[in-house]
Amino acid sequence: MKVKISKTFEVNAPSNDVWNFMTDVKKVSTCIPGAEYLEDLGGNKHSVMLVVKVGPIKSKYRGEVYLKNIDEEKQVIEIEGKGTDVKGKGGANMELNGSITAKEDGLTEVVGDSTVTIQGMLAQFGSRMVEDVSNQLFLQFTKALSAKLEGSQSSEDINSEVDNSLSGVAVASAALKGVSGRLMDKLKGKKNNEG
């Protein structure tokens, strides 16, 4: 199953600071719910672990992130990622193209377009569920990233060990909101067509 995801957000920080942070896999990992940076594999490749907890189910994915193309002058990046369930029950591949643009008033716009290919157990949830979960991940990621780059946390908070696990309750809530929202839209559509 393939899912295309496009996201744009703004950070109240200089574009060079955002670029330096976003091209450092170890730093970015601290903002991704459930991610743990493992090691630098050399050649712009990095090993990471992703733990996803949904209700009583906890899955671990061993992954590799490859910074395939980095253009510091234009501030664009191409990233490939792959992850495999440590129990061999599937995995995912990702291709991401990102860009960073300086805006007025010290804001920086971050744009990411990705294609995620999912195999195994995860694919059974369907693309709508994956989109709902990715939206929840994105919200948690941008909140953590903004806090670090905008200086709304002290350096002690930033460097301290925190539980950045993906909240199963938050994911389930996001998924339910997505499903109920689509159901309500369908019902509204039927009423408008009848009237």
C-alpha atoms as a PDB file:
ATOM      1  CA  MET A   1       0.000   0.000   0.000  1.00  0.00           C
ATOM      2  CA  LYS A   2       1.320   3.457  -0.964  1.00  0.00           C
ATOM      3  CA  VAL A   3       0.339   6.647   0.835  1.00  0.00           C
ATOM      4  CA  LYS A   4       1.346  10.149  -0.278  1.00  0.00           C
ATOM      5  CA  ILE A   5       1.667  12.700   2.517  1.00  0.00           C
ATOM      6  CA  SER A   6       2.366  16.426   2.089  1.00  0.00           C
ATOM      7  CA  LYS A   7       2.901  18.696   5.087  1.00  0.00           C
ATOM      8  CA  THR A   8       3.797  22.368   5.531  1.00  0.00           C
ATOM      9  CA  PHE A   9       4.424  24.235   8.765  1.00  0.00           C
ATOM     10  CA  GLU A  10       6.190  27.349  10.037  1.00  0.00           C
ATOM     11  CA  VAL A  11       8.741  27.718  12.828  1.00  0.00           C
ATOM     12  CA  ASN A  12       9.580  31.007  14.530  1.00  0.00           C
ATOM     13  CA  ALA A  13      13.345  30.598  14.044  1.00  0.00           C
ATOM     14  CA  PRO A  14      15.968  31.607  11.434  1.00  0.00           C
ATOM     15  CA  SER A  15      16.072  29.348   8.355  1.00  0.00           C
ATOM     16  CA  ASN A  16      19.738  28.405   8.925  1.00  0.00           C
ATOM     17  CA  ASP A  17      18.944  27.207  12.463  1.00  0.00           C
ATOM     18  CA  VAL A  18      16.009  25.167  11.136  1.00  0.00           C
ATOM     19  CA  TRP A  19      18.155  23.740   8.312  1.00  0.00           C
ATOM     20  CA  ASN A  20      20.980  22.742  10.674  1.00  0.00           C
ATOM     21  CA  PHE A  21      18.505  21.047  12.998  1.00  0.00           C
ATOM     22  CA  MET A  22      16.511  19.283  10.258  1.00  0.00           C
ATOM     23  CA  THR A  23      19.633  17.852   8.598  1.00  0.00           C
ATOM     24  CA  ASP A  24      20.874  16.370  11.893  1.00  0.00           C
ATOM     25  CA  VAL A  25      19.152  12.961  12.160  1.00  0.00           C
ATOM     26  CA  LYS A  26      20.147  12.587  15.818  1.00  0.00           C
ATOM     27  CA  LYS A  27      18.467  15.897  16.753  1.00  0.00           C
ATOM     28  CA  VAL A  28      15.375  15.307  14.606  1.00  0.00           C
ATOM     29  CA  SER A  29      14.925  11.873  16.228  1.00  0.00           C
ATOM     30  CA  THR A  30      14.313  13.588  19.572  1.00  0.00           C
ATOM     31  CA  CYS A  31      11.183  15.201  18.074  1.00  0.00           C
ATOM     32  CA  ILE A  32       9.670  12.073  16.505  1.00  0.00           C
ATOM     33  CA  PRO A  33       7.329  10.228  18.864  1.00  0.00           C
ATOM     34  CA  GLY A  34       8.732   6.796  19.651  1.00  0.00           C
ATOM     35  CA  ALA A  35      12.026   7.330  17.802  1.00  0.00           C
ATOM     36  CA  GLU A  36      15.448   6.523  19.231  1.00  0.00           C
ATOM     37  CA  TYR A  37      18.664   7.360  17.421  1.00  0.00           C
ATOM     38  CA  LEU A  38      21.005   4.343  17.406  1.00  0.00           C
ATOM     39  CA  GLU A  39      24.131   5.129  15.383  1.00  0.00           C
ATOM     40  CA  ASP A  40      25.816   6.896  12.486  1.00  0.00           C
ATOM     41  CA  LEU A  41      26.454   4.257   9.811  1.00  0.00           C
ATOM     42  CA  GLY A  42      28.633   6.570   7.693  1.00  0.00           C
ATOM     43  CA  GLY A  43      27.925   7.866   4.196  1.00  0.00           C
ATOM     44  CA  ASN A  44      24.945   9.943   5.394  1.00  0.00           C
ATOM     45  CA  LYS A  45      23.201   6.785   6.672  1.00  0.00           C
ATOM     46  CA  HIS A  46      21.849   6.475  10.196  1.00  0.00           C
ATOM     47  CA  SER A  47      20.278   3.672  12.218  1.00  0.00           C
ATOM     48  CA  VAL A  48      17.143   4.406  14.262  1.00  0.00           C
ATOM     49  CA  MET A  49      14.574   2.465  16.276  1.00  0.00           C
ATOM     50  CA  LEU A  50      10.879   3.358  16.281  1.00  0.00           C
ATOM     51  CA  VAL A  51       8.558   2.086  18.996  1.00  0.00           C
ATOM     52  CA  VAL A  52       4.825   2.349  18.366  1.00  0.00           C
ATOM     53  CA  LYS A  53       2.382   1.651  21.185  1.00  0.00           C
ATOM     54  CA  VAL A  54      -1.304   1.418  20.329  1.00  0.00           C
ATOM     55  CA  GLY A  55      -3.329   0.215  23.291  1.00  0.00           C
ATOM     56  CA  PRO A  56      -1.724  -2.974  24.646  1.00  0.00           C
ATOM     57  CA  ILE A  57       0.166  -3.592  21.388  1.00  0.00           C
ATOM     58  CA  LYS A  58       3.775  -2.434  21.222  1.00  0.00           C
ATOM     59  CA  SER A  59       5.722  -2.794  17.972  1.00  0.00           C
ATOM     60  CA  LYS A  60       9.393  -2.055  17.325  1.00  0.00           C
ATOM     61  CA  TYR A  61      10.804  -1.122  13.954  1.00  0.00           C
ATOM     62  CA  ARG A  62      14.518  -1.049  13.186  1.00  0.00           C
ATOM     63  CA  GLY A  63      15.137   1.546  10.529  1.00  0.00           C
ATOM     64  CA  GLU A  64      17.736   3.193   8.394  1.00  0.00           C
ATOM     65  CA  VAL A  65      17.618   6.830   7.291  1.00  0.00           C
ATOM     66  CA  TYR A  66      19.668   7.891   4.271  1.00  0.00           C
ATOM     67  CA  LEU A  67      20.219  11.587   3.536  1.00  0.00           C
ATOM     68  CA  LYS A  68      20.383  10.931  -0.198  1.00  0.00           C
ATOM     69  CA  ASN A  69      20.739  14.480  -1.481  1.00  0.00           C
ATOM     70  CA  ILE A  70      21.512  17.605   0.555  1.00  0.00           C
ATOM     71  CA  ASP A  71      21.626  21.027  -1.114  1.00  0.00           C
ATOM     72  CA  GLU A  72      22.620  23.457   1.625  1.00  0.00           C
ATOM     73  CA  GLU A  73      22.567  26.500  -0.671  1.00  0.00           C
ATOM     74  CA  LYS A  74      18.955  25.933  -1.812  1.00  0.00           C
ATOM     75  CA  GLN A  75      18.044  24.311   1.528  1.00  0.00           C
ATOM     76  CA  VAL A  76      16.415  21.266  -0.038  1.00  0.00           C
ATOM     77  CA  ILE A  77      16.908  17.666   1.027  1.00  0.00           C
ATOM     78  CA  GLU A  78      15.986  14.223  -0.263  1.00  0.00           C
ATOM     79  CA  ILE A  79      15.685  11.445   2.310  1.00  0.00           C
ATOM     80  CA  GLU A  80      15.094   7.717   1.997  1.00  0.00           C
ATOM     81  CA  GLY A  81      13.991   5.684   4.966  1.00  0.00           C
ATOM     82  CA  LYS A  82      13.182   2.046   5.548  1.00  0.00           C
ATOM     83  CA  GLY A  83      12.062   0.172   8.598  1.00  0.00           C
ATOM     84  CA  THR A  84      11.380  -3.457   9.410  1.00  0.00           C
ATOM     85  CA  ASP A  85       9.349  -4.861  12.283  1.00  0.00           C
ATOM     86  CA  VAL A  86      11.862  -6.582  14.575  1.00  0.00           C
ATOM     87  CA  LYS A  87       9.463  -9.566  14.733  1.00  0.00           C
ATOM     88  CA  GLY A  88       9.374  -9.781  10.923  1.00  0.00           C
ATOM     89  CA  LYS A  89       5.699  -8.788  10.572  1.00  0.00           C
ATOM     90  CA  GLY A  90       6.140  -6.140   7.883  1.00  0.00           C
ATOM     91  CA  GLY A  91       7.670  -2.755   7.474  1.00  0.00           C
ATOM     92  CA  ALA A  92       7.687   0.473   5.515  1.00  0.00           C
ATOM     93  CA  ASN A  93       9.774   2.487   3.055  1.00  0.00           C
ATOM     94  CA  MET A  94       9.666   6.258   2.713  1.00  0.00           C
ATOM     95  CA  GLU A  95      10.888   8.795   0.176  1.00  0.00           C
ATOM     96  CA  LEU A  96      10.793  12.396   1.364  1.00  0.00           C
ATOM     97  CA  ASN A  97      11.608  15.660  -0.393  1.00  0.00           C
ATOM     98  CA  GLY A  98      11.885  18.612   1.954  1.00  0.00           C
ATOM     99  CA  SER A  99      12.595  22.305   1.608  1.00  0.00           C
ATOM    100  CA  ILE A 100      13.163  25.176   3.998  1.00  0.00           C
ATOM    101  CA  THR A 101      12.325  28.773   3.073  1.00  0.00           C
ATOM    102  CA  ALA A 102      12.978  31.954   5.049  1.00  0.00           C
ATOM    103  CA  LYS A 103       9.820  34.056   5.452  1.00  0.00           C
ATOM    104  CA  GLU A 104       9.182  37.538   6.811  1.00  0.00           C
ATOM    105  CA  ASP A 105       9.263  38.314  10.545  1.00  0.00           C
ATOM    106  CA  GLY A 106      11.901  35.644  11.244  1.00  0.00           C
ATOM    107  CA  LEU A 107       9.604  32.745  10.331  1.00  0.00           C
ATOM    108  CA  THR A 108      10.808  29.704   8.415  1.00  0.00           C
ATOM    109  CA  GLU A 109       8.526  27.532   6.287  1.00  0.00           C
ATOM    110  CA  VAL A 110       9.199  23.796   6.179  1.00  0.00           C
ATOM    111  CA  VAL A 111       7.618  21.744   3.364  1.00  0.00           C
ATOM    112  CA  GLY A 112       7.761  17.966   3.141  1.00  0.00           C
ATOM    113  CA  ASP A 113       6.335  15.716   0.427  1.00  0.00           C
ATOM    114  CA  SER A 114       6.639  12.003   1.062  1.00  0.00           C
ATOM    115  CA  THR A 115       5.550   8.696  -0.352  1.00  0.00           C
ATOM    116  CA  VAL A 116       5.275   5.868   2.165  1.00  0.00           C
ATOM    117  CA  THR A 117       5.010   2.242   1.050  1.00  0.00           C
ATOM    118  CA  ILE A 118       3.722  -0.087   3.758  1.00  0.00           C
ATOM    119  CA  GLN A 119       3.854  -3.888   3.842  1.00  0.00           C
ATOM    120  CA  GLY A 120       2.624  -6.502   6.295  1.00  0.00           C
ATOM    121  CA  MET A 121       0.450  -5.917   9.348  1.00  0.00           C
ATOM    122  CA  LEU A 122       0.505  -2.116   9.066  1.00  0.00           C
ATOM    123  CA  ALA A 123      -0.983  -2.266   5.564  1.00  0.00           C
ATOM    124  CA  GLN A 124      -4.116  -3.953   6.965  1.00  0.00           C
ATOM    125  CA  PHE A 125      -5.151  -0.697   8.636  1.00  0.00           C
ATOM    126  CA  GLY A 126      -5.744   0.991   5.266  1.00  0.00           C
ATOM    127  CA  SER A 127      -4.587   4.324   3.874  1.00  0.00           C
ATOM    128  CA  ARG A 128      -7.181   6.422   5.753  1.00  0.00           C
ATOM    129  CA  MET A 129      -5.999   5.088   9.117  1.00  0.00           C
ATOM    130  CA  VAL A 130      -2.359   5.609   8.120  1.00  0.00           C
ATOM    131  CA  GLU A 131      -3.156   9.219   7.158  1.00  0.00           C
ATOM    132  CA  ASP A 132      -4.942   9.806  10.480  1.00  0.00           C
ATOM    133  CA  VAL A 133      -2.014   8.353  12.429  1.00  0.00           C
ATOM    134  CA  SER A 134       0.507  10.342  10.357  1.00  0.00           C
ATOM    135  CA  ASN A 135      -1.436  13.535  11.117  1.00  0.00           C
ATOM    136  CA  GLN A 136      -1.157  12.795  14.849  1.00  0.00           C
ATOM    137  CA  LEU A 137       2.573  12.067  14.504  1.00  0.00           C
ATOM    138  CA  PHE A 138       3.008  15.293  12.543  1.00  0.00           C
ATOM    139  CA  LEU A 139       1.292  17.362  15.240  1.00  0.00           C
ATOM    140  CA  GLN A 140       3.475  15.858  17.974  1.00  0.00           C
ATOM    141  CA  PHE A 141       6.604  16.309  15.836  1.00  0.00           C
ATOM    142  CA  THR A 142       5.970  19.976  14.963  1.00  0.00           C
ATOM    143  CA  LYS A 143       5.125  20.804  18.588  1.00  0.00           C
ATOM    144  CA  ALA A 144       8.410  19.267  19.817  1.00  0.00           C
ATOM    145  CA  LEU A 145      10.443  20.799  16.985  1.00  0.00           C
ATOM    146  CA  SER A 146       8.984  24.264  17.529  1.00  0.00           C
ATOM    147  CA  ALA A 147       9.620  24.047  21.268  1.00  0.00           C
ATOM    148  CA  LYS A 148      13.297  23.254  20.664  1.00  0.00           C
ATOM    149  CA  LEU A 149      13.937  25.796  17.905  1.00  0.00           C
ATOM    150  CA  GLU A 150      11.879  28.645  19.314  1.00  0.00           C
ATOM    151  CA  GLY A 151      13.533  28.393  22.723  1.00  0.00           C
ATOM    152  CA  SER A 152      10.340  27.726  24.662  1.00  0.00           C
ATOM    153  CA  GLN A 153      12.180  25.002  26.582  1.00  0.00           C
ATOM    154  CA  SER A 154      15.233  25.402  28.733  1.00  0.00           C
ATOM    155  CA  SER A 155      18.404  23.627  27.592  1.00  0.00           C
ATOM    156  CA  GLU A 156      17.950  21.202  30.507  1.00  0.00           C
ATOM    157  CA  ASP A 157      14.480  20.249  29.258  1.00  0.00           C
ATOM    158  CA  ILE A 158      15.755  19.776  25.717  1.00  0.00           C
ATOM    159  CA  ASN A 159      18.614  17.535  26.774  1.00  0.00           C
ATOM    160  CA  SER A 160      16.735  15.579  29.423  1.00  0.00           C
ATOM    161  CA  GLU A 161      15.419  12.119  28.712  1.00  0.00           C
ATOM    162  CA  VAL A 162      11.705  12.328  27.996  1.00  0.00           C
ATOM    163  CA  ASP A 163       9.158   9.712  27.073  1.00  0.00           C
ATOM    164  CA  ASN A 164       8.619  10.597  23.448  1.00  0.00           C
ATOM    165  CA  SER A 165       6.679   7.414  22.741  1.00  0.00           C
ATOM    166  CA  LEU A 166       3.799   7.587  20.346  1.00  0.00           C
ATOM    167  CA  SER A 167       0.698   7.796  22.474  1.00  0.00           C
ATOM    168  CA  GLY A 168      -1.725   5.009  21.654  1.00  0.00           C
ATOM    169  CA  VAL A 169      -4.580   7.051  23.122  1.00  0.00           C
ATOM    170  CA  ALA A 170      -3.706  10.052  20.944  1.00  0.00           C
ATOM    171  CA  VAL A 171      -3.436   7.881  17.830  1.00  0.00           C
ATOM    172  CA  ALA A 172      -6.706   6.087  18.538  1.00  0.00           C
ATOM    173  CA  SER A 173      -8.373   9.436  19.230  1.00  0.00           C
ATOM    174  CA  ALA A 174      -7.046  10.911  15.962  1.00  0.00           C
ATOM    175  CA  ALA A 175      -8.160   7.843  14.035  1.00  0.00           C
ATOM    176  CA  LEU A 176     -11.659   7.960  15.574  1.00  0.00           C
ATOM    177  CA  LYS A 177     -11.959  11.678  14.842  1.00  0.00           C
ATOM    178  CA  GLY A 178     -10.936  11.028  11.242  1.00  0.00           C
ATOM    179  CA  VAL A 179     -13.437   8.192  10.810  1.00  0.00           C
ATOM    180  CA  SER A 180     -16.286  10.056  12.528  1.00  0.00           C
ATOM    181  CA  GLY A 181     -15.488  13.238  10.564  1.00  0.00           C
ATOM    182  CA  ARG A 182     -15.641  11.373   7.253  1.00  0.00           C
ATOM    183  CA  LEU A 183     -18.895   9.681   8.333  1.00  0.00           C
ATOM    184  CA  MET A 184     -20.444  13.053   9.248  1.00  0.00           C
ATOM    185  CA  ASP A 185     -19.298  14.511   5.897  1.00  0.00           C
ATOM    186  CA  LYS A 186     -21.014  11.611   4.089  1.00  0.00           C
ATOM    187  CA  LEU A 187     -24.211  12.116   6.087  1.00  0.00           C
ATOM    188  CA  LYS A 188     -24.164  15.854   5.390  1.00  0.00           C
ATOM    189  CA  GLY A 189     -23.578  15.114   1.704  1.00  0.00           C
ATOM    190  CA  LYS A 190     -26.651  12.835   1.610  1.00  0.00           C
ATOM    191  CA  LYS A 191     -28.815  15.471   3.344  1.00  0.00           C
ATOM    192  CA  ASN A 192     -27.644  18.173   0.904  1.00  0.00           C
ATOM    193  CA  ASN A 193     -28.371  15.908  -2.066  1.00  0.00           C
ATOM    194  CA  GLU A 194     -31.849  15.110  -0.729  1.00  0.00           C
ATOM    195  CA  GLY A 195     -32.709  18.780  -0.060  1.00  0.00           C
END
